[in-house]
């Protein structure tokens, strides 16, 4: 199995991997590679365009939602891969990941998604 035509699939768990800098010049993941990686983060899903993954979270209150967003912010800076974050209804958070430099999904999106899930209590 491959994540692209030239790169072998990394078998290390996503949450244990580190993002690699991506300023373009990297191929988007194939739909098959994305589907394989989604099995490791089953609560995430492809968006309508199949160029991003997303997940929705609900919290008890605004303070918990903001605390979660702040933890994501710290993680995103550590990984140098930044999601789009949406806070609605004062306690609902939607996270969208895509690699803007390539206009689609890369390993980094799945790594950060797994690490975001690990931020939950």
Protein backbone atom coordinates (compact mmCIF):
# COMPACT_ATOMS: atom_id res chain seq x y z
CA UNK A 1 0.00 0.00 0.00
CA UNK A 2 1.17 3.53 -0.64
CA UNK A 3 0.18 7.03 0.42
CA UNK A 4 1.17 8.23 -3.03
CA UNK A 5 2.76 6.58 -6.01
CA UNK A 6 6.22 7.11 -4.55
CA UNK A 7 5.90 6.94 -0.75
CA UNK A 8 5.28 3.75 1.25
CA UNK A 9 2.59 3.80 3.90
CA UNK A 10 4.03 4.58 7.35
CA UNK A 11 2.77 1.95 9.80
CA UNK A 12 3.59 3.95 12.95
CA UNK A 13 0.38 5.12 14.74
CA UNK A 14 -0.64 8.59 13.58
CA UNK A 15 -0.57 10.16 17.05
CA UNK A 16 3.08 9.12 17.45
CA UNK A 17 4.23 10.66 14.17
CA UNK A 18 5.50 14.19 13.58
CA UNK A 19 4.31 16.51 10.82
CA UNK A 20 6.73 17.26 8.01
CA UNK A 21 7.03 20.76 6.60
CA UNK A 22 4.95 21.17 3.46
CA UNK A 23 5.24 24.26 1.31
CA UNK A 24 3.93 22.57 -1.81
CA UNK A 25 5.60 20.25 -4.25
CA UNK A 26 4.05 17.23 -2.52
CA UNK A 27 1.25 15.23 -4.10
CA UNK A 28 -2.16 15.13 -2.45
CA UNK A 29 -3.07 11.80 -0.91
CA UNK A 30 -5.12 9.51 -3.12
CA UNK A 31 -8.68 8.75 -2.08
CA UNK A 32 -7.58 5.19 -1.26
CA UNK A 33 -4.74 6.41 1.00
CA UNK A 34 -7.12 8.86 2.71
CA UNK A 35 -9.65 6.08 3.32
CA UNK A 36 -6.95 3.88 4.83
CA UNK A 37 -5.77 6.64 7.16
CA UNK A 38 -9.35 7.47 8.20
CA UNK A 39 -9.62 3.97 9.70
CA UNK A 40 -7.17 5.18 12.37
CA UNK A 41 -9.33 8.21 13.21
CA UNK A 42 -12.87 6.85 12.76
CA UNK A 43 -14.72 9.87 14.17
CA UNK A 44 -13.30 12.08 11.42
CA UNK A 45 -14.79 12.23 7.95
CA UNK A 46 -13.99 13.56 4.52
CA UNK A 47 -15.75 16.81 3.73
CA UNK A 48 -17.95 17.19 0.65
CA UNK A 49 -14.98 18.12 -1.55
CA UNK A 50 -12.89 15.12 -0.35
CA UNK A 51 -10.01 17.61 0.00
CA UNK A 52 -10.31 18.02 3.78
CA UNK A 53 -11.24 16.04 6.87
CA UNK A 54 -13.43 17.33 9.66
CA UNK A 55 -14.83 16.45 13.05
CA UNK A 56 -17.39 18.05 15.34
CA UNK A 57 -17.14 18.12 19.13
CA UNK A 58 -19.65 19.19 21.79
CA UNK A 59 -18.73 20.43 25.24
CA UNK A 60 -20.68 21.13 28.42
CA UNK A 61 -20.10 24.86 28.20
CA UNK A 62 -18.25 27.73 26.55
CA UNK A 63 -15.25 27.55 28.90
CA UNK A 64 -14.59 23.88 28.06
CA UNK A 65 -14.93 24.58 24.32
CA UNK A 66 -12.48 27.49 24.50
CA UNK A 67 -10.02 25.44 26.57
CA UNK A 68 -10.12 22.72 23.89
CA UNK A 69 -9.52 25.30 21.14
CA UNK A 70 -6.53 26.64 23.08
CA UNK A 71 -5.07 23.12 23.43
CA UNK A 72 -5.48 22.67 19.67
CA UNK A 73 -3.70 25.99 19.12
CA UNK A 74 -0.68 24.84 21.14
CA UNK A 75 -0.60 21.51 19.30
CA UNK A 76 -0.91 23.18 15.90
CA UNK A 77 2.06 25.42 16.66
CA UNK A 78 4.13 22.45 17.84
CA UNK A 79 3.35 20.55 14.63
CA UNK A 80 3.42 23.64 12.40
CA UNK A 81 0.20 22.45 10.78
CA UNK A 82 -2.85 24.58 11.49
CA UNK A 83 -6.51 23.55 11.25
CA UNK A 84 -9.49 25.75 10.58
CA UNK A 85 -11.37 26.07 13.87
CA UNK A 86 -15.05 26.96 14.25
CA UNK A 87 -16.88 27.67 17.52
CA UNK A 88 -20.67 27.81 17.21
CA UNK A 89 -23.58 27.71 19.61
CA UNK A 90 -21.15 28.66 22.42
CA UNK A 91 -20.11 25.02 23.01
CA UNK A 92 -19.78 23.28 19.65
CA UNK A 93 -16.41 23.02 17.93
CA UNK A 94 -15.78 21.98 14.35
CA UNK A 95 -12.21 21.27 13.23
CA UNK A 96 -11.29 21.14 9.54
CA UNK A 97 -7.89 19.95 8.32
CA UNK A 98 -6.41 20.29 4.85
CA UNK A 99 -2.96 21.08 3.53
CA UNK A 100 -3.53 24.44 1.88
CA UNK A 101 -0.14 24.43 0.11
CA UNK A 102 -1.17 21.40 -1.99
CA UNK A 103 -4.91 22.00 -2.16
CA UNK A 104 -5.82 18.70 -0.52
CA UNK A 105 -4.93 16.12 2.08
CA UNK A 106 -1.47 15.12 3.25
CA UNK A 107 -0.25 12.84 6.03
CA UNK A 108 0.01 15.94 8.22
CA UNK A 109 -3.77 16.34 8.30
CA UNK A 110 -4.27 12.84 9.66
CA UNK A 111 -1.40 13.17 12.15
CA UNK A 112 -2.85 16.37 13.59
CA UNK A 113 -6.36 14.89 13.67
CA UNK A 114 -5.12 11.93 15.72
CA UNK A 115 -3.24 14.25 18.06
CA UNK A 116 -6.31 16.47 18.48
CA UNK A 117 -8.32 13.41 19.50
CA UNK A 118 -5.68 12.64 22.12
CA UNK A 119 -6.35 16.06 23.70
CA UNK A 120 -9.77 14.92 24.87
CA UNK A 121 -10.15 13.78 28.48
